């Protein structure tokens, strides 16, 4: 299996495409927007240049990686020769179901369909296809070229053969795959998001400030970044979406999003990608300056 289609050229999609291409796979990167594809390729090039500067790869490695990637604005054309499709579109259930219905019709019958969803049910996604046994979750971590973990999510009907194939491909990428079952939030976000949400509640209730909360978790619990900084990095809209999926899935109030998080998302304060969240990123992408609202 050497032909991989990746749907979505955003942060996760271009990272997944980069990772497969660097390991010698032929990658068809697909997005409805040519502008998004151009931006995705520019990001991949910039990240390769950074690796080149650190002498982690050679100029030949960089050129080979870029030559392994081709772009398409049509799903039907992009998946024609793919043995595996990895969907990395926006974390929106209706969009994902629409994409998988289209993939089910456009792909050859032996093509494995994977989703990079961080919380949406693989079983629900698989139900709209003509091959539920060949649908699986491949939840990569951000930044994809660096992070080792891939959470492999088995839907209710996912076959052993497909699971084993995806575990093996993940290892070929130099990743460490971990198999989990299909319940809201899986493992990573079922544990992570309540911690982030509780950190926001702690801020909301005036227990401590942004820097103080993050410092306690970094120094006291040896986390590489504080939970509020991490929320900004993930995207507050993504955090809210995942919490809503878990709240709906479990009907348990412990997953209910903090009102402060809801308000920030409605106000467009989404973290790094919008320039402001709990920190102000107008001058630096590093979490060095607390946003004025919390200063």
Foldseek 3Di string as FASTA:
>chain_A
DQEEEEEFLPQARLLVLLLSLLLPGQYEYEALDPVSVVVSLVVSLVVVVVCVVVVVDDPVSSVSSSVSYDYDHDPLVRQEPAQEYEYEDPQDVVVLLVVLLVCLVRHDPNRAYEYLHQFDFQQVSLVSHPCSQRYWYFNADPPRLPAQETEIERHPNHDPVNSVVVCVVSVSSVHHYDYFYGAGSTPPGVPLLLVLQVLVVCVVVPVDFDVVQFVCCCVVVVDPTRSQLVQLVVWLVSSQSSLVSNCVRPVDVSSHGDVVSVVCVVVVQTHLVSQHDQAGPPPHSDRPGGPPVRD
